[in-house]
Amino acid sequence: MFASTRSNTPESADRTRCRMLRICTIFAAALIDAGIWFAAVRVGDVQLVYAAGPETTAIGIASVVAAVVVTGALAWGLLAALGKITRHAAAVWTTIAVAVTAVSLISPLTTAQNRPAMTILVCMHVAAAVVVITGFRISASRTEGRRESRRRAHAVEAASS
């Protein structure tokens, strides 16, 4: 048979858990926003449209889910990059994520064609942000904590030898 290329180290298991938590976080954010869209458009009969220049564009469920997945993937990439360059990746990333969320609210506040659409779009932005920021923050804090424990263990080991 073929030998497995994956290692069964605690670090490998930690990375797998972290990835799964982040994937589930993005999925949950997309599901929540899809639920908000469904409740607003199909049940509440709200017309989710925004101004794209002189024309208006309807916001469909596919674009809602795609926006959450793409934004979540970008957030994940930023968090991973910060994890490579700073020991405080979670704090730095959270600050950036909150700032990006605040800036992203400009769009629904200025381009929504009616007040109900504006309210729903703001709710969708905030709901996705809360889920992604919370889930990624939890996964990053766990990763940083394990990384710090390993650093201390290596330092103690090096000092005792």
Protein backbone atom coordinates (compact mmCIF):
# COMPACT_ATOMS: atom_id res chain seq x y z
CA MET A 1 0.00 0.00 0.00
CA PHE A 2 0.93 3.63 -0.18
CA ALA A 3 2.41 5.47 2.74
CA SER A 4 0.45 8.43 3.95
CA THR A 5 1.99 11.82 3.23
CA ARG A 6 0.19 13.38 6.15
CA SER A 7 1.79 13.52 9.53
CA ASN A 8 -0.13 12.55 12.63
CA THR A 9 1.52 15.11 14.87
CA PRO A 10 -0.40 17.29 17.33
CA GLU A 11 0.45 20.30 15.13
CA SER A 12 -1.15 18.61 12.13
CA ALA A 13 -4.30 17.84 14.13
CA ASP A 14 -4.40 21.45 15.37
CA ARG A 15 -4.17 22.78 11.82
CA THR A 16 -6.95 20.46 10.68
CA ARG A 17 -9.22 21.57 13.53
CA CYS A 18 -8.44 25.21 12.79
CA ARG A 19 -9.25 24.76 9.09
CA MET A 20 -12.50 22.98 9.87
CA LEU A 21 -13.55 25.70 12.30
CA ARG A 22 -12.85 28.39 9.71
CA ILE A 23 -14.66 26.49 6.95
CA CYS A 24 -17.66 26.00 9.24
CA THR A 25 -17.52 29.69 10.16
CA ILE A 26 -17.69 30.77 6.52
CA PHE A 27 -20.47 28.26 5.86
CA ALA A 28 -22.45 29.52 8.88
CA ALA A 29 -22.07 33.16 7.81
CA ALA A 30 -23.24 32.31 4.28
CA LEU A 31 -26.17 30.31 5.64
CA ILE A 32 -27.24 33.12 7.97
CA ASP A 33 -27.08 35.72 5.19
CA ALA A 34 -28.98 33.39 2.85
CA GLY A 35 -31.63 33.03 5.57
CA ILE A 36 -31.88 36.80 5.97
CA TRP A 37 -32.16 37.18 2.18
CA PHE A 38 -34.86 34.50 2.00
CA ALA A 39 -36.85 36.03 4.84
CA ALA A 40 -36.64 39.50 3.34
CA VAL A 41 -37.19 38.70 -0.34
CA ARG A 42 -39.39 35.62 -0.36
CA VAL A 43 -41.34 36.10 2.86
CA GLY A 44 -41.24 39.86 3.40
CA ASP A 45 -41.41 40.78 -0.29
CA VAL A 46 -38.59 43.35 0.07
CA GLN A 47 -36.98 44.37 -3.21
CA LEU A 48 -33.22 44.12 -2.56
CA VAL A 49 -31.85 46.45 -5.22
CA TYR A 50 -28.97 48.87 -5.34
CA ALA A 51 -27.91 51.62 -7.71
CA ALA A 52 -25.11 50.62 -10.07
CA GLY A 53 -24.60 53.87 -11.90
CA PRO A 54 -27.79 54.93 -13.71
CA GLU A 55 -29.28 51.42 -13.46
CA THR A 56 -30.52 49.40 -10.54
CA THR A 57 -29.44 45.83 -9.90
CA ALA A 58 -31.32 43.19 -7.93
CA ILE A 59 -29.36 41.24 -5.33
CA GLY A 60 -29.90 37.51 -5.69
CA ILE A 61 -29.17 34.76 -3.22
CA ALA A 62 -26.23 33.49 -5.28
CA SER A 63 -24.48 36.86 -5.08
CA VAL A 64 -25.13 37.00 -1.34
CA VAL A 65 -23.58 33.58 -0.73
CA ALA A 66 -20.69 34.26 -3.13
CA ALA A 67 -19.91 37.57 -1.43
CA VAL A 68 -19.75 35.92 1.99
CA VAL A 69 -17.59 33.03 0.76
CA VAL A 70 -15.14 35.30 -1.12
CA THR A 71 -14.93 37.78 1.75
CA GLY A 72 -14.48 34.95 4.25
CA ALA A 73 -11.68 33.43 2.15
CA LEU A 74 -9.94 36.81 1.93
CA ALA A 75 -10.29 37.27 5.68
CA TRP A 76 -8.83 33.81 6.23
CA GLY A 77 -5.89 34.61 3.96
CA LEU A 78 -5.18 37.83 5.81
CA LEU A 79 -5.36 36.08 9.17
CA ALA A 80 -2.99 33.36 7.94
CA ALA A 81 -0.53 35.95 6.61
CA LEU A 82 -0.64 37.92 9.85
CA GLY A 83 -0.05 34.68 11.76
CA LYS A 84 3.26 34.31 9.94
CA ILE A 85 4.51 37.81 10.73
CA THR A 86 3.21 38.69 14.18
CA ARG A 87 2.54 36.97 17.49
CA HIS A 88 -0.60 39.08 17.90
CA ALA A 89 -2.31 38.09 14.65
CA ALA A 90 -5.76 37.73 16.23
CA ALA A 91 -5.76 41.22 17.71
CA VAL A 92 -4.38 42.86 14.57
CA TRP A 93 -6.76 40.91 12.33
CA THR A 94 -9.77 41.73 14.50
CA THR A 95 -8.99 45.44 14.31
CA ILE A 96 -8.68 45.26 10.52
CA ALA A 97 -11.86 43.15 10.22
CA VAL A 98 -13.92 45.60 12.28
CA ALA A 99 -12.58 48.53 10.23
CA VAL A 100 -13.37 46.74 6.95
CA THR A 101 -16.87 45.96 8.21
CA ALA A 102 -17.45 49.63 9.06
CA VAL A 103 -16.24 50.72 5.62
CA SER A 104 -18.34 48.03 3.91
CA LEU A 105 -21.47 49.55 5.44
CA ILE A 106 -21.01 52.63 3.27
CA SER A 107 -22.24 50.72 0.22
CA PRO A 108 -25.68 49.63 1.49
CA LEU A 109 -26.18 52.96 3.22
CA THR A 110 -25.55 54.93 0.02
CA THR A 111 -26.66 52.67 -2.83
CA ALA A 112 -29.75 50.84 -1.54
CA GLN A 113 -32.82 51.99 -3.43
CA ASN A 114 -35.20 51.98 -0.47
CA ARG A 115 -35.10 51.96 3.30
CA PRO A 116 -36.16 48.30 3.76
CA ALA A 117 -33.42 47.19 1.34
CA MET A 118 -30.89 49.34 3.16
CA THR A 119 -31.90 47.87 6.51
CA ILE A 120 -31.72 44.28 5.25
CA LEU A 121 -28.35 44.83 3.53
CA VAL A 122 -26.88 46.40 6.66
CA CYS A 123 -28.19 43.47 8.72
CA MET A 124 -26.61 41.02 6.28
CA HIS A 125 -23.24 42.82 6.42
CA VAL A 126 -23.27 42.92 10.20
CA ALA A 127 -24.48 39.32 10.62
CA ALA A 128 -21.77 37.93 8.34
CA ALA A 129 -19.12 40.08 10.02
CA VAL A 130 -20.11 39.01 13.53
CA VAL A 131 -20.02 35.32 12.60
CA VAL A 132 -16.73 35.51 10.70
CA ILE A 133 -14.97 37.76 13.21
CA THR A 134 -16.09 35.64 16.16
CA GLY A 135 -15.27 32.29 14.54
CA PHE A 136 -11.92 33.36 13.15
CA ARG A 137 -11.00 35.10 16.39
CA ILE A 138 -11.70 31.90 18.34
CA SER A 139 -9.62 29.79 15.93
CA ALA A 140 -6.78 32.33 15.92
CA SER A 141 -6.72 32.58 19.72
CA ARG A 142 -6.53 28.80 20.02
CA THR A 143 -3.72 28.66 17.46
CA GLU A 144 -1.78 31.47 19.14
CA GLY A 145 -2.21 29.83 22.56
CA ARG A 146 -0.89 26.49 21.33
CA ARG A 147 1.97 28.18 19.51
CA GLU A 148 2.93 30.10 22.65
CA SER A 149 2.80 26.91 24.76
CA ARG A 150 5.12 25.20 22.30
CA ARG A 151 7.52 28.16 22.39
CA ARG A 152 7.64 28.02 26.19
CA ALA A 153 8.17 24.25 26.17
CA HIS A 154 11.04 24.59 23.70
CA ALA A 155 12.56 27.40 25.77
CA VAL A 156 12.37 25.30 28.95
CA GLU A 157 13.81 22.31 27.12
CA ALA A 158 16.67 24.39 25.72
CA ALA A 159 17.40 25.94 29.11
CA SER A 160 17.52 22.55 30.85
CA SER A 161 19.99 21.07 28.35
